[in-house]
Amino acid sequence: MFFSLVIAPWIDLSIKAGHLAFEAQALMGLRLFRMATGAVPPLAEAQRMIPEKVSALNDARALVAKGGLSDRTAGKVVALYRGRVKAIKNRLSKSPRVSQH
């Protein structure tokens, strides 16, 4: 019973955090590839990264301030970041190629 009530939520959180790490790494590769091939304007994309990160951090801080330190709050933070990573991946995946004239 101890395992299911105390340990299981943290195992689930660890798995989701691992997924986030993999997805974020894949996103970095996609972003660099799209910038290197000219599919997205490199300077604009580089300048876009900082506000995206600051916005996600502020939203995560708000979740922690509201929910305190718990496995549920941590799960919400991981879900927030996974959602942001997915949105950026979707945006980069459908970006048309920029012409190099």
Protein backbone atom coordinates (compact mmCIF):
# COMPACT_ATOMS: atom_id res chain seq x y z
CA MET A 1 0.00 0.00 0.00
CA PHE A 2 2.88 2.37 0.78
CA PHE A 3 4.21 1.83 -2.71
CA SER A 4 0.97 2.73 -4.44
CA LEU A 5 0.26 5.82 -2.35
CA VAL A 6 3.73 7.32 -2.01
CA ILE A 7 6.08 5.88 -4.61
CA ALA A 8 3.82 5.37 -7.65
CA PRO A 9 3.06 9.09 -8.25
CA TRP A 10 6.78 9.86 -8.23
CA ILE A 11 7.53 7.02 -10.64
CA ASP A 12 4.86 8.37 -12.98
CA LEU A 13 6.33 11.86 -12.66
CA SER A 14 9.82 10.52 -13.38
CA ILE A 15 8.60 8.82 -16.55
CA LYS A 16 6.87 11.99 -17.73
CA ALA A 17 9.97 14.06 -16.94
CA GLY A 18 12.03 11.59 -18.96
CA HIS A 19 9.64 12.01 -21.88
CA LEU A 20 10.02 15.79 -21.53
CA ALA A 21 13.80 15.48 -21.65
CA PHE A 22 13.66 13.38 -24.81
CA GLU A 23 11.11 15.65 -26.48
CA ALA A 24 13.08 18.80 -25.61
CA GLN A 25 16.28 17.29 -27.02
CA ALA A 26 14.48 16.32 -30.22
CA LEU A 27 13.06 19.85 -30.43
CA MET A 28 16.54 21.36 -30.13
CA GLY A 29 17.69 19.19 -33.02
CA LEU A 30 14.66 20.11 -35.13
CA ARG A 31 15.06 23.80 -34.36
CA LEU A 32 18.76 23.79 -35.28
CA PHE A 33 18.06 21.80 -38.45
CA ARG A 34 15.30 24.15 -39.55
CA MET A 35 17.53 27.16 -38.87
CA ALA A 36 20.52 25.62 -40.69
CA THR A 37 18.49 24.71 -43.77
CA GLY A 38 16.76 28.08 -43.98
CA ALA A 39 13.32 26.69 -43.25
CA VAL A 40 12.95 29.35 -40.56
CA PRO A 41 14.85 32.64 -40.38
CA PRO A 42 17.76 31.92 -37.99
CA LEU A 43 17.95 35.32 -36.31
CA ALA A 44 14.20 35.57 -35.76
CA GLU A 45 14.07 32.02 -34.42
CA ALA A 46 17.00 32.63 -32.07
CA GLN A 47 15.37 35.81 -30.78
CA ARG A 48 12.09 33.98 -30.31
CA MET A 49 13.64 31.35 -28.01
CA ILE A 50 14.30 33.65 -25.04
CA PRO A 51 10.75 35.02 -24.64
CA GLU A 52 9.38 31.46 -25.03
CA LYS A 53 11.60 30.25 -22.19
CA VAL A 54 10.80 33.22 -19.94
CA SER A 55 7.08 32.79 -20.53
CA ALA A 56 7.21 29.07 -19.71
CA LEU A 57 9.25 29.76 -16.57
CA ASN A 58 6.80 32.41 -15.38
CA ASP A 59 3.87 30.07 -15.94
CA ALA A 60 5.68 27.28 -14.09
CA ARG A 61 6.46 29.60 -11.18
CA ALA A 62 2.78 30.58 -11.02
CA LEU A 63 1.78 26.90 -10.86
CA VAL A 64 4.21 26.28 -8.00
CA ALA A 65 3.10 29.42 -6.15
CA LYS A 66 -0.52 28.33 -6.44
CA GLY A 67 -0.10 24.62 -5.78
CA GLY A 68 2.93 24.39 -3.50
CA LEU A 69 5.54 21.68 -3.69
CA SER A 70 3.87 18.35 -4.36
CA ASP A 71 3.88 15.58 -6.92
CA ARG A 72 0.67 17.02 -8.43
CA THR A 73 2.19 20.45 -8.89
CA ALA A 74 5.36 18.94 -10.30
CA GLY A 75 3.23 16.94 -12.73
CA LYS A 76 1.45 20.12 -13.82
CA VAL A 77 4.79 21.84 -14.42
CA VAL A 78 6.05 18.92 -16.51
CA ALA A 79 2.77 18.92 -18.46
CA LEU A 80 3.10 22.67 -19.04
CA TYR A 81 6.60 22.28 -20.47
CA ARG A 82 5.61 19.26 -22.56
CA GLY A 83 2.75 21.29 -24.01
CA ARG A 84 5.09 24.16 -24.88
CA VAL A 85 7.60 21.78 -26.49
CA LYS A 86 4.81 20.17 -28.54
CA ALA A 87 3.49 23.55 -29.70
CA ILE A 88 6.93 24.69 -30.84
CA LYS A 89 7.54 21.35 -32.58
CA ASN A 90 4.23 21.68 -34.43
CA ARG A 91 5.08 25.24 -35.47
CA LEU A 92 8.51 24.27 -36.73
CA SER A 93 7.23 21.14 -38.47
CA LYS A 94 4.78 23.04 -40.63
CA SER A 95 6.99 26.07 -41.38
CA PRO A 96 7.42 26.55 -45.12
CA ARG A 97 10.91 26.83 -46.53
CA VAL A 98 12.22 30.39 -46.63
CA SER A 99 13.74 31.31 -49.98
CA GLN A 100 17.40 32.28 -50.00
CA HIS A 101 17.29 34.91 -52.81
